[in-house]
């Protein structure tokens, strides 16, 4: 009996995640993507809708915040989102055993 148990363990593929693990991986991946897309949407379109109110606030050397968000601020947020996504996906891959060497 112990020999058959060893035999069945030897037949299991090593390094291939189970279907249940992959479902959890994709669920976590989709939550991350949806969250980041909501931030992207907010940074892209909300400054346009509230430009008059944002222009009452000055940043850096006196630029109106609405102008700054259109010219530079949103681009900075986009780059930060890219780096955050890459770092978080690397951790997620390691968590689920999918990290490359």
Protein backbone atom coordinates (compact mmCIF):
# COMPACT_ATOMS: atom_id res chain seq x y z
CA UNK A 1 0.00 0.00 0.00
CA UNK A 2 2.79 2.40 0.84
CA UNK A 3 4.39 1.59 -2.49
CA UNK A 4 1.24 2.53 -4.42
CA UNK A 5 1.01 5.82 -2.52
CA UNK A 6 4.60 6.63 -3.48
CA UNK A 7 3.85 5.67 -7.06
CA UNK A 8 0.85 8.03 -7.30
CA UNK A 9 2.85 10.91 -5.85
CA UNK A 10 5.57 10.33 -8.41
CA UNK A 11 3.04 10.60 -11.24
CA UNK A 12 1.84 14.08 -10.22
CA UNK A 13 3.37 16.76 -12.43
CA UNK A 14 5.80 18.99 -10.61
CA UNK A 15 5.46 22.76 -11.02
CA UNK A 16 2.07 22.66 -12.75
CA UNK A 17 -0.54 24.47 -10.65
CA UNK A 18 -3.91 22.87 -10.09
CA UNK A 19 -7.07 24.23 -11.69
CA UNK A 20 -8.30 25.54 -8.33
CA UNK A 21 -5.04 27.43 -7.82
CA UNK A 22 -5.30 28.93 -11.31
CA UNK A 23 -8.86 30.11 -10.60
CA UNK A 24 -7.60 31.91 -7.50
CA UNK A 25 -4.70 33.36 -9.46
CA UNK A 26 -6.95 34.74 -12.19
CA UNK A 27 -9.45 36.08 -9.65
CA UNK A 28 -6.65 37.97 -7.86
CA UNK A 29 -5.30 39.16 -11.21
CA UNK A 30 -8.71 40.45 -12.31
CA UNK A 31 -9.26 42.25 -8.97
CA UNK A 32 -5.92 43.98 -9.42
CA UNK A 33 -6.64 44.93 -13.03
CA UNK A 34 -10.11 46.27 -12.22
CA UNK A 35 -8.79 48.34 -9.33
CA UNK A 36 -6.01 49.82 -11.43
CA UNK A 37 -8.39 50.54 -14.31
CA UNK A 38 -10.70 52.40 -11.93
CA UNK A 39 -7.76 54.54 -10.80
CA UNK A 40 -6.78 55.08 -14.44
CA UNK A 41 -10.33 56.10 -15.31
CA UNK A 42 -10.53 58.50 -12.39
CA UNK A 43 -7.20 60.15 -13.16
CA UNK A 44 -8.07 60.43 -16.85
CA UNK A 45 -11.64 61.74 -16.75
CA UNK A 46 -12.34 63.28 -13.34
CA UNK A 47 -9.92 66.20 -13.78
CA UNK A 48 -11.75 67.06 -17.01
CA UNK A 49 -15.11 67.10 -15.23
CA UNK A 50 -13.85 69.15 -12.28
CA UNK A 51 -11.36 71.40 -14.07
CA UNK A 52 -12.88 74.65 -12.79
CA UNK A 53 -12.73 73.51 -9.18
CA UNK A 54 -9.23 72.05 -9.59
CA UNK A 55 -7.94 75.25 -11.17
CA UNK A 56 -8.61 77.02 -7.87
CA UNK A 57 -5.73 74.99 -6.37
CA UNK A 58 -2.18 75.90 -7.33
CA UNK A 59 0.70 73.40 -7.39
CA UNK A 60 4.46 73.74 -7.73
CA UNK A 61 5.22 77.20 -9.14
CA UNK A 62 1.64 78.43 -9.37
CA UNK A 63 0.20 76.14 -12.03
CA UNK A 64 -3.52 75.42 -11.67
CA UNK A 65 -4.06 71.81 -10.57
CA UNK A 66 -6.49 71.12 -13.45
CA UNK A 67 -3.86 72.15 -15.97
CA UNK A 68 -1.13 70.23 -14.14
CA UNK A 69 -3.18 67.02 -14.06
CA UNK A 70 -3.72 67.26 -17.81
CA UNK A 71 -0.12 68.14 -18.62
CA UNK A 72 1.95 66.08 -16.17
CA UNK A 73 0.06 64.68 -13.20
CA UNK A 74 -1.89 62.01 -15.03
CA UNK A 75 1.23 60.80 -16.84
CA UNK A 76 3.06 60.41 -13.55
CA UNK A 77 0.14 58.41 -12.14
CA UNK A 78 0.12 56.17 -15.24
CA UNK A 79 3.81 55.34 -14.86
CA UNK A 80 3.32 54.60 -11.16
CA UNK A 81 0.40 52.29 -12.05
CA UNK A 82 2.60 50.37 -14.49
CA UNK A 83 5.35 49.82 -11.92
CA UNK A 84 2.82 48.91 -9.22
CA UNK A 85 1.16 46.36 -11.52
CA UNK A 86 4.50 44.79 -12.46
CA UNK A 87 5.60 44.50 -8.83
CA UNK A 88 2.26 43.15 -7.63
CA UNK A 89 2.08 40.59 -10.45
CA UNK A 90 5.59 39.42 -9.63
CA UNK A 91 4.48 38.77 -6.04
CA UNK A 92 1.30 37.10 -7.23
CA UNK A 93 3.28 34.83 -9.56
CA UNK A 94 5.57 33.83 -6.68
CA UNK A 95 2.58 33.23 -4.43
CA UNK A 96 1.04 30.81 -6.93
CA UNK A 97 4.31 29.21 -7.99
CA UNK A 98 4.36 30.69 -11.48
CA UNK A 99 7.45 32.86 -11.12
CA UNK A 100 10.09 32.46 -13.79
CA UNK A 101 13.73 32.16 -12.90
